Amino acid sequence: FIMNKVKKKTKILGIICFILYLSLLIYLVFFAESFGRTDISGARRYNLELFKEIRRFYVYRNTLGVYAFLLNVVGNVLIFIPFGFILPIIGKKKANIFKTFLITVLFVFIIECIQFALNVGSFDVDDILLNTIGSLIGHIIFLILRKGMSDA
């Protein structure tokens, strides 16, 4: 009985955190002026070559600045760690890293398509890769913490 109550409260808290997280994510992906999201005057941009933008940010890191490299590469990983961490908390069934992988790829693909359609940001397969890596890191952190709590 007590365990079910704790699980229910954890799930409710997880849902609240997920909604707040998604709100922040939507703001950053579609509206943040600091990421150039409000300038829709240019041509639609896209990258369909895996590692092209990652390589470009690395090769030109001295020209673009280390901040731009970290923001684009590391930031795209870090921003999705909460996605992979919270998803198994709010899921109905046992945490499954494969499901997290599929949901993340689909979710990020949809975001990239919307960015392309609305001409805010760009469609970038490197973002799909980096966001998915971040989500999987979050899921692994969830699994480690869950195992640590069950061992205690």
N, C-alpha and C. Protein backbone atom coordinates (compact mmCIF):
# COMPACT_ATOMS: atom_id res chain seq x y z
N PHE A 1 0.83 -1.21 0.00
CA PHE A 1 0.00 0.00 0.00
C PHE A 1 0.87 1.26 0.00
N ILE A 2 1.82 1.31 0.92
CA ILE A 2 2.70 2.48 1.01
C ILE A 2 3.53 2.62 -0.27
N MET A 3 3.98 1.48 -0.80
CA MET A 3 4.79 1.52 -2.02
C MET A 3 3.99 2.06 -3.21
N ASN A 4 2.72 1.67 -3.31
CA ASN A 4 1.87 2.18 -4.39
C ASN A 4 1.66 3.67 -4.28
N LYS A 5 1.51 4.16 -3.03
CA LYS A 5 1.33 5.59 -2.80
C LYS A 5 2.58 6.37 -3.22
N VAL A 6 3.75 5.82 -2.88
CA VAL A 6 5.01 6.45 -3.24
C VAL A 6 5.16 6.46 -4.76
N LYS A 7 4.85 5.34 -5.43
CA LYS A 7 4.94 5.27 -6.89
C LYS A 7 4.00 6.27 -7.55
N LYS A 8 2.78 6.40 -7.00
CA LYS A 8 1.81 7.32 -7.57
C LYS A 8 2.29 8.77 -7.42
N LYS A 9 2.81 9.12 -6.25
CA LYS A 9 3.33 10.47 -6.03
C LYS A 9 4.54 10.75 -6.92
N THR A 10 5.39 9.75 -7.07
CA THR A 10 6.56 9.90 -7.93
C THR A 10 6.13 10.13 -9.37
N LYS A 11 5.13 9.38 -9.82
CA LYS A 11 4.64 9.53 -11.19
C LYS A 11 4.02 10.91 -11.40
N ILE A 12 3.24 11.39 -10.43
CA ILE A 12 2.63 12.72 -10.53
C ILE A 12 3.71 13.79 -10.57
N LEU A 13 4.68 13.68 -9.70
CA LEU A 13 5.81 14.63 -9.69
C LEU A 13 6.56 14.56 -11.02
N GLY A 14 6.74 13.34 -11.54
CA GLY A 14 7.40 13.16 -12.83
C GLY A 14 6.65 13.85 -13.96
N ILE A 15 5.31 13.73 -13.94
CA ILE A 15 4.49 14.37 -14.98
C ILE A 15 4.61 15.89 -14.90
N ILE A 16 4.58 16.43 -13.68
CA ILE A 16 4.72 17.87 -13.50
C ILE A 16 6.10 18.34 -14.00
N CYS A 17 7.15 17.60 -13.62
CA CYS A 17 8.50 17.95 -14.08
C CYS A 17 8.61 17.85 -15.60
N PHE A 18 7.97 16.82 -16.18
CA PHE A 18 8.03 16.63 -17.63
C PHE A 18 7.34 17.78 -18.36
N ILE A 19 6.20 18.23 -17.85
CA ILE A 19 5.48 19.35 -18.46
C ILE A 19 6.33 20.62 -18.38
N LEU A 20 6.93 20.88 -17.22
CA LEU A 20 7.81 22.05 -17.08
C LEU A 20 9.01 21.95 -18.02
N TYR A 21 9.60 20.77 -18.08
CA TYR A 21 10.75 20.54 -18.95
C TYR A 21 10.36 20.76 -20.42
N LEU A 22 9.23 20.19 -20.85
CA LEU A 22 8.79 20.36 -22.24
C LEU A 22 8.50 21.82 -22.56
N SER A 23 7.97 22.56 -21.59
CA SER A 23 7.71 23.99 -21.78
C SER A 23 9.02 24.74 -22.04
N LEU A 24 10.04 24.44 -21.25
CA LEU A 24 11.35 25.05 -21.44
C LEU A 24 11.94 24.64 -22.78
N LEU A 25 11.82 23.38 -23.11
CA LEU A 25 12.34 22.87 -24.38
C LEU A 25 11.67 23.54 -25.57
N ILE A 26 10.36 23.66 -25.54
CA ILE A 26 9.63 24.33 -26.62
C ILE A 26 10.07 25.78 -26.76
N TYR A 27 10.25 26.45 -25.64
CA TYR A 27 10.73 27.84 -25.68
C TYR A 27 12.11 27.90 -26.36
N LEU A 28 13.04 27.06 -25.90
CA LEU A 28 14.40 27.10 -26.44
C LEU A 28 14.45 26.73 -27.92
N VAL A 29 13.65 25.75 -28.31
CA VAL A 29 13.69 25.24 -29.68
C VAL A 29 12.97 26.15 -30.68
N PHE A 30 11.91 26.82 -30.22
CA PHE A 30 11.09 27.59 -31.17
C PHE A 30 11.09 29.11 -30.96
N PHE A 31 11.40 29.58 -29.76
CA PHE A 31 11.20 31.01 -29.48
C PHE A 31 12.42 31.77 -28.97
N ALA A 32 13.45 31.10 -28.50
CA ALA A 32 14.58 31.78 -27.86
C ALA A 32 15.35 32.64 -28.85
N GLU A 33 15.30 33.95 -28.66
CA GLU A 33 16.00 34.89 -29.53
C GLU A 33 17.50 34.65 -29.51
N SER A 34 18.03 34.24 -28.36
CA SER A 34 19.48 34.03 -28.25
C SER A 34 19.95 32.88 -29.13
N PHE A 35 19.04 32.01 -29.58
CA PHE A 35 19.39 30.93 -30.50
C PHE A 35 18.92 31.24 -31.92
N GLY A 36 18.56 32.50 -32.18
CA GLY A 36 18.16 32.92 -33.51
C GLY A 36 16.83 32.36 -33.96
N ARG A 37 15.95 32.07 -33.02
CA ARG A 37 14.68 31.43 -33.36
C ARG A 37 13.63 32.39 -33.91
N THR A 38 13.83 33.68 -33.74
CA THR A 38 12.81 34.61 -34.20
C THR A 38 13.10 35.18 -35.58
N ASP A 39 14.29 34.94 -36.10
CA ASP A 39 14.63 35.43 -37.44
C ASP A 39 14.22 34.40 -38.48
N ILE A 40 13.09 34.64 -39.14
CA ILE A 40 12.59 33.68 -40.12
C ILE A 40 12.70 34.23 -41.54
N SER A 41 13.56 35.25 -41.71
CA SER A 41 13.67 35.92 -43.01
C SER A 41 14.51 35.14 -44.01
N GLY A 42 15.43 34.31 -43.54
CA GLY A 42 16.34 33.62 -44.44
C GLY A 42 15.74 32.36 -45.05
N ALA A 43 16.54 31.72 -45.88
CA ALA A 43 16.12 30.47 -46.51
C ALA A 43 16.10 29.35 -45.47
N ARG A 44 15.26 28.38 -45.71
CA ARG A 44 15.21 27.22 -44.82
C ARG A 44 16.55 26.51 -44.87
N ARG A 45 17.00 26.08 -43.68
CA ARG A 45 18.28 25.40 -43.60
C ARG A 45 18.07 23.95 -43.15
N TYR A 46 18.91 23.08 -43.68
CA TYR A 46 18.83 21.69 -43.27
C TYR A 46 20.18 21.03 -43.45
N ASN A 47 20.38 19.95 -42.71
CA ASN A 47 21.58 19.13 -42.82
C ASN A 47 21.15 17.68 -42.77
N LEU A 48 21.40 16.96 -43.86
CA LEU A 48 21.04 15.54 -43.93
C LEU A 48 22.27 14.63 -43.88
N GLU A 49 23.44 15.24 -43.68
CA GLU A 49 24.70 14.47 -43.63
C GLU A 49 25.14 14.33 -42.17
N LEU A 50 25.14 13.09 -41.69
CA LEU A 50 25.51 12.82 -40.29
C LEU A 50 26.94 13.29 -40.01
N PHE A 51 27.11 13.97 -38.92
CA PHE A 51 28.38 14.51 -38.41
C PHE A 51 28.85 15.78 -39.14
N LYS A 52 28.13 16.27 -40.14
CA LYS A 52 28.55 17.45 -40.89
C LYS A 52 28.63 18.69 -39.99
N GLU A 53 27.56 18.98 -39.27
CA GLU A 53 27.56 20.17 -38.40
C GLU A 53 28.45 19.98 -37.17
N ILE A 54 28.47 18.78 -36.63
CA ILE A 54 29.37 18.50 -35.50
C ILE A 54 30.80 18.75 -35.92
N ARG A 55 31.17 18.23 -37.08
CA ARG A 55 32.53 18.42 -37.61
C ARG A 55 32.81 19.90 -37.87
N ARG A 56 31.85 20.59 -38.47
CA ARG A 56 32.03 22.02 -38.77
C ARG A 56 32.25 22.82 -37.48
N PHE A 57 31.44 22.55 -36.46
CA PHE A 57 31.62 23.27 -35.20
C PHE A 57 32.96 22.94 -34.55
N TYR A 58 33.43 21.71 -34.74
CA TYR A 58 34.73 21.34 -34.16
C TYR A 58 35.88 21.96 -34.95
N VAL A 59 35.85 21.82 -36.27
CA VAL A 59 36.94 22.33 -37.11
C VAL A 59 37.08 23.84 -36.97
N TYR A 60 35.96 24.54 -36.92
CA TYR A 60 35.99 26.01 -36.85
C TYR A 60 35.75 26.54 -35.43
N ARG A 61 36.05 25.72 -34.43
CA ARG A 61 35.80 26.12 -33.04
C ARG A 61 36.58 27.37 -32.65
N ASN A 62 37.78 27.55 -33.23
CA ASN A 62 38.56 28.76 -32.92
C ASN A 62 37.93 29.99 -33.56
N THR A 63 37.36 29.83 -34.74
CA THR A 63 36.70 30.94 -35.43
C THR A 63 35.33 31.22 -34.82
N LEU A 64 34.54 30.17 -34.66
CA LEU A 64 33.18 30.31 -34.11
C LEU A 64 33.18 30.57 -32.61
N GLY A 65 34.23 30.10 -31.96
CA GLY A 65 34.33 30.22 -30.52
C GLY A 65 33.97 28.91 -29.84
N VAL A 66 34.64 28.65 -28.75
CA VAL A 66 34.41 27.42 -27.99
C VAL A 66 32.97 27.39 -27.47
N TYR A 67 32.44 28.56 -27.12
CA TYR A 67 31.06 28.64 -26.64
C TYR A 67 30.07 28.10 -27.67
N ALA A 68 30.26 28.47 -28.94
CA ALA A 68 29.36 28.00 -30.00
C ALA A 68 29.47 26.48 -30.15
N PHE A 69 30.70 25.96 -30.06
CA PHE A 69 30.89 24.51 -30.13
C PHE A 69 30.19 23.81 -28.98
N LEU A 70 30.44 24.30 -27.77
CA LEU A 70 29.82 23.68 -26.58
C LEU A 70 28.31 23.78 -26.63
N LEU A 71 27.80 24.93 -27.03
CA LEU A 71 26.35 25.13 -27.09
C LEU A 71 25.72 24.18 -28.10
N ASN A 72 26.32 24.05 -29.26
CA ASN A 72 25.74 23.22 -30.30
C ASN A 72 25.90 21.74 -30.02
N VAL A 73 27.08 21.31 -29.67
CA VAL A 73 27.34 19.88 -29.51
C VAL A 73 26.97 19.40 -28.11
N VAL A 74 27.60 19.96 -27.10
CA VAL A 74 27.34 19.52 -25.73
C VAL A 74 25.93 19.91 -25.30
N GLY A 75 25.50 21.11 -25.68
CA GLY A 75 24.16 21.57 -25.31
C GLY A 75 23.06 20.67 -25.85
N ASN A 76 23.22 20.19 -27.08
CA ASN A 76 22.22 19.30 -27.67
C ASN A 76 22.15 17.96 -26.95
N VAL A 77 23.24 17.54 -26.34
CA VAL A 77 23.22 16.31 -25.53
C VAL A 77 22.58 16.62 -24.18
N LEU A 78 23.06 17.65 -23.51
CA LEU A 78 22.60 17.97 -22.15
C LEU A 78 21.10 18.28 -22.08
N ILE A 79 20.58 18.96 -23.08
CA ILE A 79 19.18 19.39 -23.03
C ILE A 79 18.21 18.20 -23.07
N PHE A 80 18.67 17.03 -23.53
CA PHE A 80 17.77 15.88 -23.60
C PHE A 80 18.01 14.85 -22.51
N ILE A 81 18.94 15.08 -21.61
CA ILE A 81 19.13 14.16 -20.49
C ILE A 81 17.86 14.07 -19.65
N PRO A 82 17.20 15.20 -19.33
CA PRO A 82 15.95 15.09 -18.55
C PRO A 82 14.86 14.29 -19.28
N PHE A 83 14.81 14.38 -20.59
CA PHE A 83 13.81 13.64 -21.36
C PHE A 83 13.95 12.14 -21.10
N GLY A 84 15.17 11.63 -21.22
CA GLY A 84 15.42 10.21 -20.99
C GLY A 84 15.31 9.78 -19.55
N PHE A 85 15.51 10.73 -18.64
CA PHE A 85 15.40 10.42 -17.21
C PHE A 85 13.94 10.37 -16.76
N ILE A 86 13.15 11.31 -17.21
CA ILE A 86 11.76 11.42 -16.75
C ILE A 86 10.83 10.44 -17.48
N LEU A 87 11.11 10.16 -18.73
CA LEU A 87 10.25 9.28 -19.52
C LEU A 87 9.95 7.95 -18.82
N PRO A 88 10.93 7.24 -18.29
CA PRO A 88 10.60 5.97 -17.62
C PRO A 88 9.84 6.16 -16.30
N ILE A 89 9.94 7.32 -15.71
CA ILE A 89 9.21 7.58 -14.46
C ILE A 89 7.71 7.70 -14.75
N ILE A 90 7.37 8.34 -15.87
CA ILE A 90 5.96 8.57 -16.17
C ILE A 90 5.37 7.47 -17.06
N GLY A 91 6.23 6.57 -17.55
CA GLY A 91 5.76 5.47 -18.39
C GLY A 91 4.89 4.50 -17.61
N LYS A 92 4.04 3.78 -18.34
CA LYS A 92 3.13 2.84 -17.70
C LYS A 92 3.80 1.51 -17.35
N LYS A 93 4.78 1.14 -18.14
CA LYS A 93 5.40 -0.17 -17.93
C LYS A 93 6.85 -0.02 -17.50
N LYS A 94 7.48 -1.15 -17.28
CA LYS A 94 8.88 -1.19 -16.86
C LYS A 94 9.76 -0.35 -17.79
N ALA A 95 10.71 0.35 -17.22
CA ALA A 95 11.64 1.19 -17.99
C ALA A 95 12.36 0.34 -19.03
N ASN A 96 12.33 0.82 -20.26
CA ASN A 96 12.92 0.09 -21.37
C ASN A 96 13.72 1.08 -22.22
N ILE A 97 15.01 0.87 -22.29
CA ILE A 97 15.88 1.81 -22.99
C ILE A 97 15.57 1.85 -24.49
N PHE A 98 15.12 0.74 -25.05
CA PHE A 98 14.77 0.71 -26.47
C PHE A 98 13.55 1.60 -26.74
N LYS A 99 12.55 1.56 -25.85
CA LYS A 99 11.38 2.43 -26.00
C LYS A 99 11.78 3.89 -25.88
N THR A 100 12.64 4.18 -24.92
CA THR A 100 13.13 5.55 -24.77
C THR A 100 13.84 6.00 -26.05
N PHE A 101 14.65 5.13 -26.62
CA PHE A 101 15.34 5.43 -27.87
C PHE A 101 14.33 5.75 -28.98
N LEU A 102 13.35 4.89 -29.17
CA LEU A 102 12.36 5.10 -30.24
C LEU A 102 11.53 6.37 -30.03
N ILE A 103 11.07 6.58 -28.80
CA ILE A 103 10.26 7.77 -28.50
C ILE A 103 11.09 9.03 -28.73
N THR A 104 12.35 9.00 -28.30
CA THR A 104 13.22 10.17 -28.47
C THR A 104 13.46 10.48 -29.94
N VAL A 105 13.81 9.46 -30.72
CA VAL A 105 14.08 9.69 -32.14
C VAL A 105 12.84 10.26 -32.82
N LEU A 106 11.67 9.70 -32.53
CA LEU A 106 10.43 10.18 -33.13
C LEU A 106 10.13 11.62 -32.69
N PHE A 107 10.24 11.88 -31.40
CA PHE A 107 9.97 13.22 -30.84
C PHE A 107 10.91 14.26 -31.46
N VAL A 108 12.20 13.96 -31.50
CA VAL A 108 13.18 14.92 -32.02
C VAL A 108 12.98 15.10 -33.53
N PHE A 109 12.67 14.03 -34.24
CA PHE A 109 12.41 14.14 -35.68
C PHE A 109 11.24 15.09 -35.93
N ILE A 110 10.19 14.96 -35.13
CA ILE A 110 9.03 15.85 -35.27
C ILE A 110 9.42 17.30 -34.98
N ILE A 111 10.21 17.52 -33.94
CA ILE A 111 10.68 18.87 -33.62
C ILE A 111 11.49 19.44 -34.79
N GLU A 112 12.39 18.64 -35.33
CA GLU A 112 13.21 19.10 -36.46
C GLU A 112 12.34 19.44 -37.67
N CYS A 113 11.32 18.64 -37.93
CA CYS A 113 10.40 18.91 -39.05
C CYS A 113 9.62 20.21 -38.82
N ILE A 114 9.17 20.42 -37.60
CA ILE A 114 8.44 21.65 -37.28
C ILE A 114 9.37 22.86 -37.42
N GLN A 115 10.60 22.73 -36.94
CA GLN A 115 11.56 23.83 -37.10
C GLN A 115 11.75 24.16 -38.58
N PHE A 116 11.88 23.13 -39.39
CA PHE A 116 12.06 23.35 -40.83
C PHE A 116 10.82 24.01 -41.44
N ALA A 117 9.64 23.48 -41.10
CA ALA A 117 8.39 24.01 -41.66
C ALA A 117 8.15 25.46 -41.26
N LEU A 118 8.46 25.79 -40.00
CA LEU A 118 8.25 27.16 -39.50
C LEU A 118 9.45 28.07 -39.77
N ASN A 119 10.53 27.48 -40.30
CA ASN A 119 11.75 28.23 -40.59
C ASN A 119 12.34 28.89 -39.34
N VAL A 120 12.31 28.15 -38.24
CA VAL A 120 12.99 28.58 -37.01
C VAL A 120 14.02 27.51 -36.67
N GLY A 121 15.28 27.88 -36.73
CA GLY A 121 16.32 26.87 -36.57
C GLY A 121 16.49 26.14 -37.89
N SER A 122 16.90 24.90 -37.81
CA SER A 122 17.11 24.12 -39.03
C SER A 122 16.83 22.65 -38.75
N PHE A 123 16.56 21.91 -39.81
CA PHE A 123 16.44 20.47 -39.70
C PHE A 123 17.85 19.92 -39.76
N ASP A 124 18.26 19.19 -38.72
CA ASP A 124 19.65 18.74 -38.64
C ASP A 124 19.71 17.32 -38.07
N VAL A 125 20.21 16.39 -38.88
CA VAL A 125 20.32 15.01 -38.40
C VAL A 125 21.31 14.90 -37.25
N ASP A 126 22.28 15.80 -37.19
CA ASP A 126 23.22 15.80 -36.07
C ASP A 126 22.49 16.10 -34.76
N ASP A 127 21.50 17.00 -34.81
CA ASP A 127 20.69 17.29 -33.61
C ASP A 127 19.94 16.04 -33.16
N ILE A 128 19.39 15.29 -34.12
CA ILE A 128 18.68 14.06 -33.78
C ILE A 128 19.62 13.10 -33.06
N LEU A 129 20.83 12.95 -33.59
CA LEU A 129 21.83 12.08 -32.96
C LEU A 129 22.19 12.55 -31.56
N LEU A 130 22.55 13.83 -31.44
CA LEU A 130 23.00 14.37 -30.15
C LEU A 130 21.88 14.35 -29.12
N ASN A 131 20.67 14.73 -29.50
CA ASN A 131 19.53 14.70 -28.58
C ASN A 131 19.25 13.28 -28.11
N THR A 132 19.36 12.32 -29.01
CA THR A 132 19.11 10.92 -28.66
C THR A 132 20.18 10.41 -27.70
N ILE A 133 21.42 10.78 -27.94
CA ILE A 133 22.50 10.40 -27.01
C ILE A 133 22.20 10.96 -25.62
N GLY A 134 21.78 12.22 -25.56
CA GLY A 134 21.43 12.83 -24.27
C GLY A 134 20.30 12.08 -23.57
N SER A 135 19.27 11.74 -24.32
CA SER A 135 18.14 11.03 -23.75
C SER A 135 18.57 9.65 -23.22
N LEU A 136 19.41 8.96 -23.96
CA LEU A 136 19.89 7.65 -23.51
C LEU A 136 20.76 7.78 -22.26
N ILE A 137 21.55 8.84 -22.18
CA ILE A 137 22.33 9.10 -20.95
C ILE A 137 21.37 9.30 -19.78
N GLY A 138 20.31 10.08 -19.99
CA GLY A 138 19.32 10.30 -18.94
C GLY A 138 18.66 9.00 -18.51
N HIS A 139 18.35 8.14 -19.46
CA HIS A 139 17.72 6.86 -19.14
C HIS A 139 18.68 5.98 -18.34
N ILE A 140 19.95 5.97 -18.72
CA ILE A 140 20.95 5.18 -17.99
C ILE A 140 21.11 5.71 -16.57
N ILE A 141 21.10 7.02 -16.40
CA ILE A 141 21.16 7.62 -15.05
C ILE A 141 19.95 7.15 -14.24
N PHE A 142 18.76 7.16 -14.85
CA PHE A 142 17.55 6.66 -14.19
C PHE A 142 17.75 5.22 -13.74
N LEU A 143 18.24 4.36 -14.62
CA LEU A 143 18.43 2.95 -14.29
C LEU A 143 19.43 2.77 -13.14
N ILE A 144 20.51 3.54 -13.17
CA ILE A 144 21.52 3.46 -12.10
C ILE A 144 20.93 3.89 -10.77
N LEU A 145 20.20 5.01 -10.77
CA LEU A 145 19.59 5.49 -9.52
C LEU A 145 18.52 4.53 -9.02
N ARG A 146 17.73 3.98 -9.92
CA ARG A 146 16.69 3.01 -9.52
C ARG A 146 17.32 1.78 -8.90
N LYS A 147 18.41 1.29 -9.50
CA LYS A 147 19.11 0.12 -8.95
C LYS A 147 19.71 0.45 -7.59
N GLY A 148 20.28 1.64 -7.47
CA GLY A 148 20.85 2.07 -6.19
C GLY A 148 19.80 2.16 -5.10
N MET A 149 18.60 2.62 -5.46
CA MET A 149 17.52 2.71 -4.47
C MET A 149 16.98 1.34 -4.10
N SER A 150 16.95 0.41 -5.04
CA SER A 150 16.44 -0.91 -4.73
C SER A 150 17.44 -1.72 -3.92
N ASP A 151 18.73 -1.39 -4.05
CA ASP A 151 19.77 -2.08 -3.27
C ASP A 151 19.84 -1.57 -1.84
N ALA A 152 19.33 -0.35 -1.64
CA ALA A 152 19.43 0.27 -0.30
C ALA A 152 18.45 -0.34 0.68
